[in-house]
Protein backbone atom coordinates (compact mmCIF):
# COMPACT_ATOMS: atom_id res chain seq x y z
CA MET A 1 2.48 -4.92 -31.60
CA ARG A 2 -0.03 -5.54 -28.81
CA PRO A 3 0.89 -3.62 -25.61
CA PRO A 4 1.68 -6.04 -22.77
CA LEU A 5 -0.44 -4.08 -20.30
CA LEU A 6 -3.68 -2.19 -20.77
CA VAL A 7 -4.54 0.59 -18.33
CA HIS A 8 -7.79 2.37 -17.69
CA ARG A 9 -9.35 4.30 -14.84
CA ALA A 10 -12.63 3.77 -13.07
CA GLY A 11 -12.85 6.91 -10.96
CA ALA A 12 -10.00 6.74 -8.46
CA VAL A 13 -9.27 3.09 -9.31
CA ARG A 14 -6.47 2.25 -11.74
CA VAL A 15 -7.19 -1.00 -13.60
CA LEU A 16 -4.16 -2.89 -14.98
CA ILE A 17 -4.90 -5.65 -17.51
CA ASN A 18 -2.39 -8.33 -18.49
CA ASN A 19 -2.76 -8.26 -22.27
CA ASN A 20 -1.38 -11.47 -23.76
CA PRO A 21 -4.65 -13.29 -24.55
CA ASP A 22 -3.21 -15.53 -27.29
CA ALA A 23 -1.13 -17.25 -24.59
CA ARG A 24 -3.79 -16.98 -21.83
CA ASN A 25 -1.89 -13.96 -20.49
CA ALA A 26 1.36 -15.81 -19.89
CA LEU A 27 3.96 -13.58 -18.27
CA THR A 28 6.53 -11.72 -20.36
CA PRO A 29 9.43 -9.36 -19.64
CA GLY A 30 7.40 -6.56 -21.23
CA PHE A 31 4.57 -7.20 -18.78
CA TYR A 32 6.96 -7.11 -15.82
CA GLU A 33 8.39 -3.76 -16.92
CA ALA A 34 5.01 -2.21 -17.67
CA LEU A 35 3.42 -3.42 -14.43
CA ARG A 36 6.26 -2.12 -12.28
CA ARG A 37 6.13 1.22 -14.07
CA GLU A 38 2.37 1.52 -13.50
CA LEU A 39 2.68 0.53 -9.84
CA ASP A 40 5.35 3.19 -9.32
CA ASP A 41 3.21 5.78 -11.10
CA ALA A 42 0.08 4.81 -9.13
CA GLN A 43 2.04 5.04 -5.89
CA ALA A 44 3.09 8.60 -6.71
CA ASP A 45 -0.33 9.64 -8.01
CA ARG A 46 -2.51 11.12 -5.27
CA TYR A 47 -5.61 10.70 -7.45
CA THR A 48 -5.23 6.91 -7.46
CA GLY A 49 -6.96 5.42 -4.44
CA ALA A 50 -6.56 1.71 -5.27
CA ILE A 51 -5.40 -0.66 -8.01
CA VAL A 52 -7.04 -3.66 -9.70
CA ILE A 53 -4.97 -6.26 -11.57
CA THR A 54 -6.73 -8.60 -13.98
CA GLY A 55 -6.26 -10.44 -17.29
CA ALA A 56 -7.65 -9.91 -20.78
CA ALA A 57 -10.21 -12.15 -22.51
CA GLY A 58 -11.56 -13.88 -19.43
CA PHE A 59 -8.39 -15.52 -18.08
CA PHE A 60 -6.19 -14.14 -15.32
CA CYS A 61 -2.72 -15.56 -16.06
CA ALA A 62 -1.23 -18.84 -17.28
CA GLY A 63 2.10 -18.17 -15.55
CA GLY A 64 5.34 -18.72 -17.42
CA ASP A 65 5.35 -19.27 -21.19
CA LEU A 66 6.71 -22.81 -21.67
CA LYS A 67 8.10 -21.94 -25.11
CA GLN A 68 10.20 -19.23 -23.49
CA LEU A 69 11.13 -21.49 -20.59
CA GLU A 70 12.36 -24.09 -23.08
CA LYS A 71 14.74 -21.50 -24.52
CA ARG A 72 15.74 -20.36 -21.04
CA ARG A 73 17.02 -23.86 -20.25
CA GLU A 74 19.96 -23.17 -22.55
CA LEU A 75 21.02 -20.04 -20.67
CA PRO A 76 23.77 -19.99 -18.03
CA ALA A 77 22.46 -20.33 -14.47
CA ALA A 78 23.16 -16.65 -13.72
CA GLU A 79 20.95 -15.55 -16.61
CA ARG A 80 18.20 -17.98 -15.62
CA GLN A 81 18.31 -16.49 -12.13
CA GLU A 82 18.10 -12.97 -13.55
CA ARG A 83 14.86 -13.81 -15.39
CA ILE A 84 13.30 -15.29 -12.25
CA GLU A 85 14.32 -12.25 -10.21
CA ALA A 86 12.43 -10.06 -12.69
CA LEU A 87 9.25 -11.89 -11.65
CA HIS A 88 10.18 -11.62 -8.00
CA ASP A 89 10.75 -7.88 -8.34
CA VAL A 90 7.17 -7.56 -9.61
CA VAL A 91 5.86 -9.58 -6.66
CA ARG A 92 7.78 -7.34 -4.27
CA ALA A 93 6.48 -4.23 -6.03
CA ILE A 94 2.88 -5.37 -5.54
CA ARG A 95 3.47 -6.23 -1.89
CA ASP A 96 5.37 -3.01 -1.19
CA CYS A 97 2.85 -0.72 -2.90
CA THR A 98 1.19 1.46 -0.26
CA LYS A 99 -2.05 1.61 -2.27
CA PRO A 100 -4.48 -1.33 -1.88
CA VAL A 101 -4.07 -3.81 -4.75
CA ILE A 102 -6.93 -6.16 -5.67
CA ALA A 103 -6.74 -9.16 -8.03
CA ALA A 104 -9.78 -9.87 -10.22
CA VAL A 105 -9.51 -13.50 -11.35
CA GLU A 106 -11.58 -14.88 -14.22
CA GLY A 107 -11.00 -18.28 -15.79
CA GLY A 108 -7.96 -19.32 -13.85
CA ALA A 109 -4.40 -18.71 -12.71
CA ALA A 110 -1.56 -21.16 -13.18
CA GLY A 111 1.99 -21.25 -11.89
CA ALA A 112 3.34 -17.75 -11.34
CA GLY A 113 -0.14 -16.45 -12.16
CA VAL A 114 -1.17 -17.82 -8.74
CA SER A 115 1.72 -15.89 -7.19
CA LEU A 116 0.65 -12.72 -9.00
CA ALA A 117 -2.91 -13.05 -7.68
CA LEU A 118 -1.90 -13.86 -4.11
CA ALA A 119 0.67 -11.06 -3.96
CA CYS A 120 -2.30 -8.68 -4.08
CA ASP A 121 -3.95 -7.53 -0.88
CA LEU A 122 -7.42 -8.77 -1.76
CA LEU A 123 -8.82 -11.31 -4.19
CA VAL A 124 -12.10 -11.28 -6.14
CA MET A 125 -12.62 -14.55 -8.02
CA ALA A 126 -15.24 -15.94 -10.39
CA ARG A 127 -16.99 -19.08 -9.13
CA ASN A 128 -15.81 -21.15 -12.10
CA ALA A 129 -12.17 -20.04 -11.84
CA TYR A 130 -9.32 -22.08 -10.40
CA PHE A 131 -5.69 -22.06 -9.28
CA THR A 132 -3.12 -24.65 -10.28
CA LEU A 133 0.53 -24.94 -9.28
CA ALA A 134 1.27 -26.93 -12.42
CA TYR A 135 5.07 -26.63 -12.25
CA ILE A 136 5.49 -30.33 -11.40
CA LYS A 137 3.94 -31.32 -14.74
CA ALA A 138 6.88 -29.67 -16.52
CA GLY A 139 9.49 -30.92 -14.04
CA LEU A 140 9.75 -27.48 -12.44
CA THR A 141 9.43 -25.98 -8.96
CA PRO A 142 7.28 -23.04 -7.80
CA ASP A 143 8.47 -19.46 -7.93
CA GLY A 144 6.99 -16.01 -7.39
CA GLY A 145 6.23 -16.73 -3.74
CA ALA A 146 3.42 -19.20 -4.41
CA THR A 147 4.45 -21.53 -1.59
CA PHE A 148 4.86 -18.60 0.81
CA PHE A 149 1.48 -17.05 0.06
CA LEU A 150 -0.50 -20.30 0.11
CA SER A 151 1.15 -21.40 3.35
CA GLU A 152 -0.69 -18.49 5.02
CA PHE A 153 -4.00 -20.23 4.26
CA VAL A 154 -3.61 -23.97 3.80
CA SER A 155 -2.06 -26.83 5.74
CA ARG A 156 1.36 -28.19 4.91
CA GLN A 157 -0.30 -31.37 3.66
CA LEU A 158 -2.61 -29.57 1.23
CA LEU A 159 0.18 -27.28 0.00
CA THR A 160 2.38 -30.32 -0.61
CA GLU A 161 -0.43 -32.04 -2.52
CA LEU A 162 -1.08 -29.00 -4.70
CA CYS A 163 2.63 -28.66 -5.53
CA LEU A 164 3.30 -32.38 -6.12
CA THR A 165 0.20 -33.09 -8.22
CA GLY A 166 -0.40 -29.79 -10.02
CA ASP A 167 -4.13 -30.43 -9.57
CA ARG A 168 -6.59 -27.58 -9.84
CA ILE A 169 -8.17 -26.11 -6.74
CA GLY A 170 -11.43 -24.35 -7.50
CA ALA A 171 -12.67 -20.96 -6.39
CA GLU A 172 -15.34 -22.45 -4.13
CA ARG A 173 -12.77 -24.40 -2.13
CA LEU A 174 -10.38 -21.45 -2.06
CA ALA A 175 -13.20 -19.34 -0.66
CA SER A 176 -13.86 -21.96 2.04
CA LEU A 177 -10.16 -21.64 3.00
CA SER A 178 -10.53 -17.83 3.24
CA VAL A 179 -8.18 -17.26 0.30
CA VAL A 180 -10.89 -15.37 -1.62
CA ASN A 181 -12.51 -12.14 -0.42
CA ARG A 182 -15.37 -12.05 -2.93
CA LEU A 183 -16.74 -15.04 -4.86
CA VAL A 184 -18.71 -13.74 -7.86
CA ASP A 185 -20.46 -14.90 -11.00
CA ALA A 186 -18.34 -15.51 -14.10
CA GLY A 187 -17.71 -12.27 -15.94
CA ASP A 188 -18.25 -10.10 -12.86
CA ALA A 189 -14.81 -10.25 -11.24
CA GLU A 190 -13.43 -6.98 -12.64
CA ALA A 191 -16.59 -4.99 -11.90
CA GLN A 192 -16.82 -6.36 -8.36
CA ALA A 193 -13.11 -5.73 -7.79
CA ILE A 194 -13.51 -2.12 -8.94
CA GLU A 195 -16.46 -1.69 -6.59
CA LEU A 196 -14.41 -3.04 -3.66
CA ALA A 197 -11.37 -0.97 -4.70
CA THR A 198 -13.48 2.18 -4.88
CA ARG A 199 -14.85 1.64 -1.40
CA ILE A 200 -11.42 1.00 0.10
CA GLY A 201 -9.67 3.61 -2.03
CA ASP A 202 -12.03 6.32 -0.79
CA GLY A 203 -10.81 5.67 2.76
CA PRO A 204 -7.86 7.24 4.58
CA ALA A 205 -4.82 6.54 2.40
CA ARG A 206 -2.09 6.75 5.02
CA ALA A 207 -4.06 4.67 7.51
CA SER A 208 -4.59 2.06 4.77
CA ALA A 209 -0.85 1.95 4.06
CA ARG A 210 -0.11 1.48 7.76
CA ILE A 211 -2.69 -1.30 8.00
CA LYS A 212 -1.10 -3.04 5.00
CA SER A 213 2.24 -2.93 6.80
CA LEU A 214 0.76 -4.44 9.98
CA VAL A 215 -1.04 -7.19 8.11
CA ARG A 216 2.10 -8.14 6.17
CA SER A 217 4.15 -8.50 9.33
CA ALA A 218 1.53 -10.10 11.60
CA HIS A 219 1.97 -13.80 10.80
CA ARG A 220 5.78 -13.61 11.03
CA SER A 221 6.01 -11.51 14.19
CA THR A 222 6.01 -12.32 17.86
CA LEU A 223 3.24 -10.72 19.89
CA SER A 224 5.72 -8.30 21.46
CA THR A 225 7.10 -7.21 18.07
CA GLN A 226 3.63 -6.77 16.63
CA LEU A 227 2.48 -4.75 19.65
CA ASP A 228 5.48 -2.46 19.20
CA ALA A 229 4.61 -1.97 15.54
CA GLU A 230 0.96 -1.27 16.38
CA THR A 231 2.04 1.26 19.00
CA GLN A 232 4.26 3.13 16.56
CA LEU A 233 1.69 3.26 13.79
CA MET A 234 -1.15 4.24 16.14
CA VAL A 235 0.99 7.12 17.42
CA GLU A 236 1.56 8.21 13.82
CA SER A 237 -2.14 7.87 12.98
CA LEU A 238 -3.21 9.97 15.94
CA GLY A 239 -0.91 12.72 14.71
CA ASP A 240 -2.29 12.57 11.19
CA ALA A 241 -4.88 14.87 9.61
CA GLU A 242 -6.78 11.75 8.53
CA SER A 243 -7.66 10.87 12.11
CA ALA A 244 -8.71 14.46 12.77
CA GLU A 245 -11.16 14.19 9.87
CA GLY A 246 -12.33 10.69 10.79
CA ILE A 247 -12.96 11.46 14.46
CA ALA A 248 -14.68 14.76 13.67
CA ALA A 249 -16.91 13.05 11.10
CA PHE A 250 -17.90 10.32 13.57
CA LEU A 251 -18.65 12.77 16.38
CA ASN A 252 -20.63 15.05 14.07
CA LYS A 253 -22.51 12.14 12.46
CA ARG A 254 -21.37 12.89 8.91
CA ALA A 255 -19.44 10.99 6.28
CA ALA A 256 -15.69 11.49 6.38
CA ASN A 257 -14.20 13.02 3.22
CA TYR A 258 -10.81 11.39 2.80
CA ARG A 259 -10.74 11.62 -0.99
CA SER A 260 -10.52 15.41 -1.03
CA MET A 261 -7.71 15.22 1.55
CA ARG A 262 -5.81 12.76 -0.64
CA GLU A 263 -6.27 14.77 -3.82
CA SER A 264 -5.22 18.01 -2.13
CA GLY A 265 -2.07 16.29 -0.89
CA GLU A 266 -2.75 17.19 2.74
CA LYS A 267 0.10 16.04 4.96
CA GLU A 268 0.34 14.68 8.47
CA HIS A 269 0.25 17.14 11.34
């Protein structure tokens, strides 16, 4: 049988490939389990600087498999909820991962595939790719956090339109809304995502994790709460060996070497 997830390394970048091309990489329980396992392993692996998530055969993810959803309709409500929570656990795992996670989107993302892409910290997208919240066309409602993630970027009116029509929104427009970090030629998304992941992954790992935490909380916090969080994490950063290396490198006009610190497992002061 085809493995649900392919994994390869590009230096310090771990590339995770949704491998269900016959169904445009529709999501499966096997994919959920394999992705969570790889995220946990990457988190514990000091040689992994960043993670890229993409799809096989030129398409990111078609979301839920309607043939499986048809069968799921016959399950008791508690079992239907359990299957949805499996998706939500994956979304939480991506968001909670302290390593930077970058989505490389070719072709398109539909339904929960949009959630999977937007759960990542950064997004590299081919110019001819698109998102669609097509749930409405099957009489369904969004899951996976799609409405939460898109509400960070688009107006209530546009989000409502996307959900109620299921229309596609193209990469060019998503880029104009600041949803996309890098807009690239078709076929280049994975390579460009790896390049971005390498650059970020070579930086200070603990500072990156703290920044991820601040960014996640910023749009839901009051100014006072966010200032308190920034204070705490700046105090921690100043006591960290990473800042000692970074400041010394800047003052001595040399490149900081955070990768060797990460791979040696050097701790905070």
